[in-house]
Amino acid sequence: VSVDLPHRRLDCNEAGLLVFGPRVRY
């Protein structure tokens, strides 16, 4: 449903989107 990450935005948005989905908060 959503993912929270304890760091700044990953420099691999496409791969991250495939794994984490669209609802990511950094």
PDB file of all heavy atoms in Angstrom:
ATOM      1  N   VAL A   1       0.843  -1.197   0.000  1.00  0.00           N
ATOM      2  CA  VAL A   1       0.000   0.000   0.000  1.00  0.00           C
ATOM      3  C   VAL A   1       0.876   1.245   0.000  1.00  0.00           C
ATOM      4  O   VAL A   1       0.628   2.206  -0.727  1.00  0.00           O
ATOM      5  CB  VAL A   1      -0.943  -0.008   1.221  1.00  0.00           C
ATOM      6  CG1 VAL A   1      -1.716   1.302   1.312  1.00  0.00           C
ATOM      7  CG2 VAL A   1      -1.893  -1.197   1.153  1.00  0.00           C
ATOM      8  N   SER A   2       1.933   1.217   0.811  1.00  0.00           N
ATOM      9  CA  SER A   2       2.880   2.333   0.858  1.00  0.00           C
ATOM     10  C   SER A   2       4.182   1.848   1.479  1.00  0.00           C
ATOM     11  O   SER A   2       4.222   0.818   2.148  1.00  0.00           O
ATOM     12  CB  SER A   2       2.316   3.515   1.660  1.00  0.00           C
ATOM     13  OG  SER A   2       2.120   3.155   3.019  1.00  0.00           O
ATOM     14  N   VAL A   3       5.231   2.620   1.243  1.00  0.00           N
ATOM     15  CA  VAL A   3       6.553   2.323   1.786  1.00  0.00           C
ATOM     16  C   VAL A   3       7.166   3.626   2.290  1.00  0.00           C
ATOM     17  O   VAL A   3       7.131   4.649   1.598  1.00  0.00           O
ATOM     18  CB  VAL A   3       7.471   1.705   0.711  1.00  0.00           C
ATOM     19  CG1 VAL A   3       8.909   1.621   1.206  1.00  0.00           C
ATOM     20  CG2 VAL A   3       6.974   0.320   0.306  1.00  0.00           C
ATOM     21  N   ASP A   4       7.708   3.602   3.499  1.00  0.00           N
ATOM     22  CA  ASP A   4       8.487   4.716   4.048  1.00  0.00           C
ATOM     23  C   ASP A   4       9.952   4.319   4.072  1.00  0.00           C
ATOM     24  O   ASP A   4      10.287   3.199   4.489  1.00  0.00           O
ATOM     25  CB  ASP A   4       8.050   5.054   5.477  1.00  0.00           C
ATOM     26  CG  ASP A   4       6.679   5.718   5.528  1.00  0.00           C
ATOM     27  OD1 ASP A   4       6.122   6.006   4.455  1.00  0.00           O
ATOM     28  OD2 ASP A   4       6.167   5.916   6.641  1.00  0.00           O
ATOM     29  N   LEU A   5      10.824   5.232   3.648  1.00  0.00           N
ATOM     30  CA  LEU A   5      12.258   4.955   3.625  1.00  0.00           C
ATOM     31  C   LEU A   5      13.005   6.021   4.411  1.00  0.00           C
ATOM     32  O   LEU A   5      12.727   7.219   4.273  1.00  0.00           O
ATOM     33  CB  LEU A   5      12.776   4.914   2.186  1.00  0.00           C
ATOM     34  CG  LEU A   5      12.272   3.735   1.341  1.00  0.00           C
ATOM     35  CD1 LEU A   5      12.663   3.909  -0.112  1.00  0.00           C
ATOM     36  CD2 LEU A   5      12.823   2.434   1.878  1.00  0.00           C
ATOM     37  N   PRO A   6      13.989   5.603   5.236  1.00  0.00           N
ATOM     38  CA  PRO A   6      14.681   6.548   6.121  1.00  0.00           C
ATOM     39  C   PRO A   6      15.892   7.201   5.458  1.00  0.00           C
ATOM     40  O   PRO A   6      16.950   7.319   6.071  1.00  0.00           O
ATOM     41  CB  PRO A   6      15.096   5.648   7.289  1.00  0.00           C
ATOM     42  CG  PRO A   6      15.394   4.348   6.630  1.00  0.00           C
ATOM     43  CD  PRO A   6      14.404   4.209   5.502  1.00  0.00           C
ATOM     44  N   HIS A   7      15.753   7.607   4.225  1.00  0.00           N
ATOM     45  CA  HIS A   7      16.858   8.259   3.528  1.00  0.00           C
ATOM     46  C   HIS A   7      16.305   9.036   2.335  1.00  0.00           C
ATOM     47  O   HIS A   7      15.112   8.968   2.036  1.00  0.00           O
ATOM     48  CB  HIS A   7      17.905   7.245   3.071  1.00  0.00           C
ATOM     49  CG  HIS A   7      17.350   6.056   2.347  1.00  0.00           C
ATOM     50  ND1 HIS A   7      16.814   6.123   1.075  1.00  0.00           N
ATOM     51  CD2 HIS A   7      17.220   4.755   2.722  1.00  0.00           C
ATOM     52  CE1 HIS A   7      16.402   4.946   0.695  1.00  0.00           C
ATOM     53  NE2 HIS A   7      16.622   4.092   1.675  1.00  0.00           N
ATOM     54  N   ARG A   8      17.175   9.771   1.669  1.00  0.00           N
ATOM     55  CA  ARG A   8      16.748  10.561   0.526  1.00  0.00           C
ATOM     56  C   ARG A   8      16.381   9.661  -0.652  1.00  0.00           C
ATOM     57  O   ARG A   8      16.610   8.459  -0.623  1.00  0.00           O
ATOM     58  CB  ARG A   8      17.848  11.539   0.120  1.00  0.00           C
ATOM     59  CG  ARG A   8      19.182  10.916  -0.189  1.00  0.00           C
ATOM     60  CD  ARG A   8      20.240  12.015  -0.343  1.00  0.00           C
ATOM     61  NE  ARG A   8      21.563  11.475  -0.627  1.00  0.00           N
ATOM     62  CZ  ARG A   8      22.424  11.075   0.291  1.00  0.00           C
ATOM     63  NH1 ARG A   8      22.085  11.159   1.565  1.00  0.00           N
ATOM     64  NH2 ARG A   8      23.606  10.598  -0.046  1.00  0.00           N
ATOM     65  N   ARG A   9      15.848  10.266  -1.692  1.00  0.00           N
ATOM     66  CA  ARG A   9      15.313   9.533  -2.835  1.00  0.00           C
ATOM     67  C   ARG A   9      16.383   8.678  -3.508  1.00  0.00           C
ATOM     68  O   ARG A   9      17.514   9.119  -3.723  1.00  0.00           O
ATOM     69  CB  ARG A   9      14.729  10.522  -3.848  1.00  0.00           C
ATOM     70  CG  ARG A   9      14.041   9.865  -5.039  1.00  0.00           C
ATOM     71  CD  ARG A   9      13.403  10.914  -5.921  1.00  0.00           C
ATOM     72  NE  ARG A   9      12.363  11.621  -5.191  1.00  0.00           N
ATOM     73  CZ  ARG A   9      11.109  11.205  -5.081  1.00  0.00           C
ATOM     74  NH1 ARG A   9      10.746  10.066  -5.651  1.00  0.00           N
ATOM     75  NH2 ARG A   9      10.224  11.903  -4.410  1.00  0.00           N
ATOM     76  N   LEU A  10      16.005   7.445  -3.861  1.00  0.00           N
ATOM     77  CA  LEU A  10      16.897   6.549  -4.580  1.00  0.00           C
ATOM     78  C   LEU A  10      17.126   7.058  -5.998  1.00  0.00           C
ATOM     79  O   LEU A  10      16.228   7.595  -6.629  1.00  0.00           O
ATOM     80  CB  LEU A  10      16.302   5.144  -4.652  1.00  0.00           C
ATOM     81  CG  LEU A  10      16.250   4.329  -3.361  1.00  0.00           C
ATOM     82  CD1 LEU A  10      15.337   3.130  -3.537  1.00  0.00           C
ATOM     83  CD2 LEU A  10      17.634   3.877  -2.958  1.00  0.00           C
ATOM     84  N   ASP A  11      18.340   6.862  -6.479  1.00  0.00           N
ATOM     85  CA  ASP A  11      18.682   7.284  -7.840  1.00  0.00           C
ATOM     86  C   ASP A  11      18.415   6.145  -8.825  1.00  0.00           C
ATOM     87  O   ASP A  11      19.234   5.818  -9.678  1.00  0.00           O
ATOM     88  CB  ASP A  11      20.156   7.702  -7.899  1.00  0.00           C
ATOM     89  CG  ASP A  11      20.515   8.338  -9.237  1.00  0.00           C
ATOM     90  OD1 ASP A  11      19.581   8.813  -9.920  1.00  0.00           O
ATOM     91  OD2 ASP A  11      21.701   8.329  -9.597  1.00  0.00           O
ATOM     92  N   CYS A  12      17.261   5.514  -8.676  1.00  0.00           N
ATOM     93  CA  CYS A  12      16.864   4.439  -9.609  1.00  0.00           C
ATOM     94  C   CYS A  12      15.346   4.337  -9.544  1.00  0.00           C
ATOM     95  O   CYS A  12      14.796   3.343  -9.080  1.00  0.00           O
ATOM     96  CB  CYS A  12      17.533   3.121  -9.273  1.00  0.00           C
ATOM     97  SG  CYS A  12      17.422   2.633  -7.544  1.00  0.00           S
ATOM     98  N   ASN A  13      14.699   5.384  -9.991  1.00  0.00           N
ATOM     99  CA  ASN A  13      13.262   5.499  -9.817  1.00  0.00           C
ATOM    100  C   ASN A  13      12.484   4.384 -10.494  1.00  0.00           C
ATOM    101  O   ASN A  13      11.512   3.869  -9.952  1.00  0.00           O
ATOM    102  CB  ASN A  13      12.783   6.865 -10.333  1.00  0.00           C
ATOM    103  CG  ASN A  13      13.263   8.006  -9.469  1.00  0.00           C
ATOM    104  OD1 ASN A  13      13.543   7.813  -8.292  1.00  0.00           O
ATOM    105  ND2 ASN A  13      13.371   9.188 -10.040  1.00  0.00           N
ATOM    106  N   GLU A  14      12.890   4.001 -11.720  1.00  0.00           N
ATOM    107  CA  GLU A  14      12.133   2.987 -12.450  1.00  0.00           C
ATOM    108  C   GLU A  14      12.187   1.644 -11.732  1.00  0.00           C
ATOM    109  O   GLU A  14      11.160   0.993 -11.527  1.00  0.00           O
ATOM    110  CB  GLU A  14      12.678   2.847 -13.870  1.00  0.00           C
ATOM    111  CG  GLU A  14      11.868   1.874 -14.722  1.00  0.00           C
ATOM    112  CD  GLU A  14      12.348   1.821 -16.153  1.00  0.00           C
ATOM    113  OE1 GLU A  14      13.169   2.676 -16.540  1.00  0.00           O
ATOM    114  OE2 GLU A  14      11.908   0.915 -16.879  1.00  0.00           O
ATOM    115  N   ALA A  15      13.388   1.220 -11.331  1.00  0.00           N
ATOM    116  CA  ALA A  15      13.522  -0.049 -10.615  1.00  0.00           C
ATOM    117  C   ALA A  15      12.815   0.011  -9.270  1.00  0.00           C
ATOM    118  O   ALA A  15      12.167  -0.953  -8.843  1.00  0.00           O
ATOM    119  CB  ALA A  15      14.997  -0.396 -10.435  1.00  0.00           C
ATOM    120  N   GLY A  16      12.941   1.146  -8.592  1.00  0.00           N
ATOM    121  CA  GLY A  16      12.273   1.294  -7.301  1.00  0.00           C
ATOM    122  C   GLY A  16      10.766   1.220  -7.428  1.00  0.00           C
ATOM    123  O   GLY A  16      10.084   0.632  -6.583  1.00  0.00           O
ATOM    124  N   LEU A  17      10.231   1.798  -8.498  1.00  0.00           N
ATOM    125  CA  LEU A  17       8.790   1.772  -8.712  1.00  0.00           C
ATOM    126  C   LEU A  17       8.297   0.342  -8.904  1.00  0.00           C
ATOM    127  O   LEU A  17       7.239  -0.050  -8.399  1.00  0.00           O
ATOM    128  CB  LEU A  17       8.436   2.621  -9.936  1.00  0.00           C
ATOM    129  CG  LEU A  17       6.948   2.782 -10.248  1.00  0.00           C
ATOM    130  CD1 LEU A  17       6.247   3.542  -9.139  1.00  0.00           C
ATOM    131  CD2 LEU A  17       6.757   3.507 -11.581  1.00  0.00           C
ATOM    132  N   LEU A  18       9.072  -0.475  -9.620  1.00  0.00           N
ATOM    133  CA  LEU A  18       8.688  -1.856  -9.859  1.00  0.00           C
ATOM    134  C   LEU A  18       8.660  -2.667  -8.563  1.00  0.00           C
ATOM    135  O   LEU A  18       7.856  -3.583  -8.416  1.00  0.00           O
ATOM    136  CB  LEU A  18       9.649  -2.511 -10.856  1.00  0.00           C
ATOM    137  CG  LEU A  18       9.575  -2.004 -12.298  1.00  0.00           C
ATOM    138  CD1 LEU A  18      10.687  -2.629 -13.131  1.00  0.00           C
ATOM    139  CD2 LEU A  18       8.215  -2.314 -12.912  1.00  0.00           C
ATOM    140  N   VAL A  19       9.545  -2.343  -7.632  1.00  0.00           N
ATOM    141  CA  VAL A  19       9.618  -3.102  -6.381  1.00  0.00           C
ATOM    142  C   VAL A  19       8.694  -2.531  -5.322  1.00  0.00           C
ATOM    143  O   VAL A  19       7.897  -3.257  -4.712  1.00  0.00           O
ATOM    144  CB  VAL A  19      11.065  -3.124  -5.848  1.00  0.00           C
ATOM    145  CG1 VAL A  19      11.130  -3.861  -4.511  1.00  0.00           C
ATOM    146  CG2 VAL A  19      11.998  -3.783  -6.855  1.00  0.00           C
ATOM    147  N   PHE A  20       8.757  -1.235  -5.091  1.00  0.00           N
ATOM    148  CA  PHE A  20       8.055  -0.624  -3.964  1.00  0.00           C
ATOM    149  C   PHE A  20       6.647  -0.161  -4.307  1.00  0.00           C
ATOM    150  O   PHE A  20       5.822   0.013  -3.416  1.00  0.00           O
ATOM    151  CB  PHE A  20       8.843   0.585  -3.443  1.00  0.00           C
ATOM    152  CG  PHE A  20      10.247   0.270  -3.027  1.00  0.00           C
ATOM    153  CD1 PHE A  20      11.274   1.145  -3.308  1.00  0.00           C
ATOM    154  CD2 PHE A  20      10.543  -0.904  -2.359  1.00  0.00           C
ATOM    155  CE1 PHE A  20      12.581   0.861  -2.915  1.00  0.00           C
ATOM    156  CE2 PHE A  20      11.837  -1.203  -1.974  1.00  0.00           C
ATOM    157  CZ  PHE A  20      12.861  -0.315  -2.261  1.00  0.00           C
ATOM    158  N   GLY A  21       6.372   0.076  -5.588  1.00  0.00           N
ATOM    159  CA  GLY A  21       5.089   0.653  -5.965  1.00  0.00           C
ATOM    160  C   GLY A  21       5.165   2.165  -5.986  1.00  0.00           C
ATOM    161  O   GLY A  21       6.209   2.766  -5.723  1.00  0.00           O
ATOM    162  N   PRO A  22       4.056   2.843  -6.278  1.00  0.00           N
ATOM    163  CA  PRO A  22       4.081   4.293  -6.480  1.00  0.00           C
ATOM    164  C   PRO A  22       4.044   5.127  -5.212  1.00  0.00           C
ATOM    165  O   PRO A  22       4.361   6.312  -5.248  1.00  0.00           O
ATOM    166  CB  PRO A  22       2.822   4.537  -7.323  1.00  0.00           C
ATOM    167  CG  PRO A  22       1.882   3.440  -6.902  1.00  0.00           C
ATOM    168  CD  PRO A  22       2.742   2.247  -6.612  1.00  0.00           C
ATOM    169  N   ARG A  23       3.641   4.534  -4.099  1.00  0.00           N
ATOM    170  CA  ARG A  23       3.455   5.328  -2.883  1.00  0.00           C
ATOM    171  C   ARG A  23       4.672   5.164  -1.958  1.00  0.00           C
ATOM    172  O   ARG A  23       4.659   4.377  -1.026  1.00  0.00           O
ATOM    173  CB  ARG A  23       2.171   4.918  -2.174  1.00  0.00           C
ATOM    174  CG  ARG A  23       0.919   5.126  -3.006  1.00  0.00           C
ATOM    175  CD  ARG A  23      -0.335   4.767  -2.223  1.00  0.00           C
ATOM    176  NE  ARG A  23      -1.524   4.918  -3.038  1.00  0.00           N
ATOM    177  CZ  ARG A  23      -2.042   3.958  -3.807  1.00  0.00           C
ATOM    178  NH1 ARG A  23      -1.440   2.761  -3.822  1.00  0.00           N
ATOM    179  NH2 ARG A  23      -3.111   4.170  -4.531  1.00  0.00           N
ATOM    180  N   VAL A  24       5.704   5.930  -2.242  1.00  0.00           N
ATOM    181  CA  VAL A  24       6.942   5.874  -1.469  1.00  0.00           C
ATOM    182  C   VAL A  24       7.202   7.237  -0.858  1.00  0.00           C
ATOM    183  O   VAL A  24       7.135   8.264  -1.550  1.00  0.00           O
ATOM    184  CB  VAL A  24       8.145   5.459  -2.351  1.00  0.00           C
ATOM    185  CG1 VAL A  24       9.408   5.374  -1.509  1.00  0.00           C
ATOM    186  CG2 VAL A  24       7.877   4.128  -3.027  1.00  0.00           C
ATOM    187  N   ARG A  25       7.477   7.250   0.427  1.00  0.00           N
ATOM    188  CA  ARG A  25       7.837   8.488   1.120  1.00  0.00           C
ATOM    189  C   ARG A  25       9.269   8.369   1.618  1.00  0.00           C
ATOM    190  O   ARG A  25       9.614   7.388   2.287  1.00  0.00           O
ATOM    191  CB  ARG A  25       6.890   8.747   2.294  1.00  0.00           C
ATOM    192  CG  ARG A  25       5.441   8.934   1.885  1.00  0.00           C
ATOM    193  CD  ARG A  25       4.579   9.386   3.046  1.00  0.00           C
ATOM    194  NE  ARG A  25       4.588   8.412   4.143  1.00  0.00           N
ATOM    195  CZ  ARG A  25       3.963   8.594   5.306  1.00  0.00           C
ATOM    196  NH1 ARG A  25       3.300   9.725   5.528  1.00  0.00           N
ATOM    197  NH2 ARG A  25       3.992   7.661   6.237  1.00  0.00           N
ATOM    198  N   TYR A  26      10.071   9.355   1.283  1.00  0.00           N
ATOM    199  CA  TYR A  26      11.465   9.364   1.698  1.00  0.00           C
ATOM    200  C   TYR A  26      11.648  10.281   2.911  1.00  0.00           C
ATOM    201  O   TYR A  26      10.725  10.951   3.359  1.00  0.00           O
ATOM    202  CB  TYR A  26      12.354   9.833   0.541  1.00  0.00           C
ATOM    203  CG  TYR A  26      12.365   8.893  -0.631  1.00  0.00           C
ATOM    204  CD1 TYR A  26      11.462   9.041  -1.685  1.00  0.00           C
ATOM    205  CD2 TYR A  26      13.261   7.836  -0.681  1.00  0.00           C
ATOM    206  CE1 TYR A  26      11.469   8.162  -2.756  1.00  0.00           C
ATOM    207  CE2 TYR A  26      13.272   6.955  -1.759  1.00  0.00           C
ATOM    208  CZ  TYR A  26      12.372   7.124  -2.791  1.00  0.00           C
ATOM    209  OH  TYR A  26      12.387   6.251  -3.840  1.00  0.00           O
TER     210      TYR A  26
END
